[in-house]
Amino acid sequence: HYRAHAEHFGTDFYYLDRIVVDERFRRRGVAGAAYDDLELTATPYGRLVLEVNLDPPNEPSLAFHRARGFRPVSDYPSPDGKRVQLMALELPRRDRA
């Protein structure tokens, strides 16, 4: 999936592979706080990218990322037979340190 993002954006992205929040802590702002920090870390790259399962669908994750402003880049077949949606959040760019 990283390579698919690189085909779209070159090196101008910060890649997030996955975050998992235990069900007991969902809807309490844990993921939002983590993403606030991640987005700040990713600003020198201009965007934060990730993928979310479409088949089988991960509706809670899709809804969370859409609400944060992530937009679809493309759909992509996963080697494990799943289908994912590559998503990106454009960020105000800062110089890389």
Protein backbone atom coordinates (compact mmCIF):
# COMPACT_ATOMS: atom_id res chain seq x y z
CA HIS A 1 0.00 0.00 0.00
CA TYR A 2 2.93 2.29 0.71
CA ARG A 3 4.09 1.83 -2.90
CA ALA A 4 0.63 2.73 -4.21
CA HIS A 5 0.73 6.00 -2.25
CA ALA A 6 4.25 6.67 -3.57
CA GLU A 7 2.95 6.27 -7.14
CA HIS A 8 0.43 9.05 -6.45
CA PHE A 9 2.51 11.42 -4.32
CA GLY A 10 6.20 10.65 -4.79
CA THR A 11 7.82 11.37 -1.42
CA ASP A 12 5.36 14.08 -0.36
CA PHE A 13 3.42 12.11 2.22
CA TYR A 14 3.57 10.65 5.71
CA TYR A 15 2.27 7.08 5.78
CA LEU A 16 0.18 5.66 8.61
CA ASP A 17 -0.02 1.88 8.51
CA ARG A 18 -2.57 1.34 11.26
CA ILE A 19 -3.95 2.40 14.59
CA VAL A 20 -6.16 0.19 16.72
CA VAL A 21 -8.23 1.45 19.64
CA ASP A 22 -9.68 -1.16 21.96
CA GLU A 23 -13.49 -1.21 21.87
CA ARG A 24 -13.64 -0.19 25.55
CA PHE A 25 -11.97 3.13 24.69
CA ARG A 26 -13.73 3.99 21.43
CA ARG A 27 -15.81 7.17 21.17
CA ARG A 28 -13.80 8.77 23.98
CA GLY A 29 -11.46 10.93 21.92
CA VAL A 30 -8.48 8.57 22.07
CA ALA A 31 -8.14 8.19 18.30
CA GLY A 32 -8.83 11.90 17.74
CA ALA A 33 -6.02 12.85 20.13
CA ALA A 34 -3.64 10.40 18.45
CA TYR A 35 -4.53 11.80 15.02
CA ASP A 36 -4.06 15.38 16.21
CA ASP A 37 -0.44 14.47 17.03
CA LEU A 38 0.05 12.45 13.84
CA GLU A 39 -1.25 15.26 11.66
CA LEU A 40 1.13 17.69 13.33
CA THR A 41 4.01 15.28 12.74
CA ALA A 42 2.97 14.85 9.08
CA THR A 43 2.72 18.57 8.22
CA PRO A 44 6.28 18.81 6.82
CA TYR A 45 5.23 16.23 4.20
CA GLY A 46 2.04 18.04 3.16
CA ARG A 47 -0.29 15.11 3.67
CA LEU A 48 -1.08 12.12 5.84
CA VAL A 49 -2.04 8.97 3.91
CA LEU A 50 -3.52 5.62 4.86
CA GLU A 51 -5.87 2.95 3.63
CA VAL A 52 -9.17 1.60 4.92
CA ASN A 53 -10.85 -1.70 4.03
CA LEU A 54 -13.67 -1.48 1.51
CA ASP A 55 -14.17 -5.22 1.10
CA PRO A 56 -14.93 -6.28 3.71
CA PRO A 57 -16.00 -2.74 4.63
CA ASN A 58 -14.71 -1.03 7.75
CA GLU A 59 -17.53 1.51 8.02
CA PRO A 60 -16.50 2.97 11.41
CA SER A 61 -13.00 3.68 10.11
CA LEU A 62 -14.26 5.14 6.84
CA ALA A 63 -16.65 7.42 8.74
CA PHE A 64 -13.94 8.51 11.19
CA HIS A 65 -11.46 9.36 8.44
CA ARG A 66 -14.03 11.16 6.27
CA ALA A 67 -15.07 13.24 9.29
CA ARG A 68 -11.41 14.26 9.79
CA GLY A 69 -11.19 15.41 6.17
CA PHE A 70 -9.51 12.43 4.52
CA ARG A 71 -10.48 12.06 0.88
CA PRO A 72 -10.33 8.99 -1.38
CA VAL A 73 -7.33 8.73 -3.68
CA SER A 74 -8.13 5.38 -5.29
CA ASP A 75 -9.33 1.86 -4.61
CA TYR A 76 -6.67 -0.80 -4.53
CA PRO A 77 -6.67 -4.61 -4.35
CA SER A 78 -4.79 -5.92 -1.34
CA PRO A 79 -2.54 -9.00 -1.64
CA ASP A 80 -4.72 -10.76 0.95
CA GLY A 81 -7.78 -10.57 -1.32
CA LYS A 82 -9.32 -7.55 0.36
CA ARG A 83 -10.01 -4.23 -1.34
CA VAL A 84 -8.88 -1.02 0.29
CA GLN A 85 -9.44 2.66 -0.29
CA LEU A 86 -6.31 4.77 -0.31
CA MET A 87 -7.09 8.03 1.49
CA ALA A 88 -5.19 11.29 2.01
CA LEU A 89 -5.54 14.29 4.24
CA GLU A 90 -3.98 17.43 2.78
CA LEU A 91 -2.12 19.41 5.45
CA PRO A 92 -0.68 22.93 5.57
CA ARG A 93 2.92 22.33 4.58
CA ARG A 94 5.86 23.27 6.78
CA ASP A 95 9.53 22.81 6.01
CA ARG A 96 10.96 19.46 7.01
CA ALA A 97 13.38 19.68 9.90
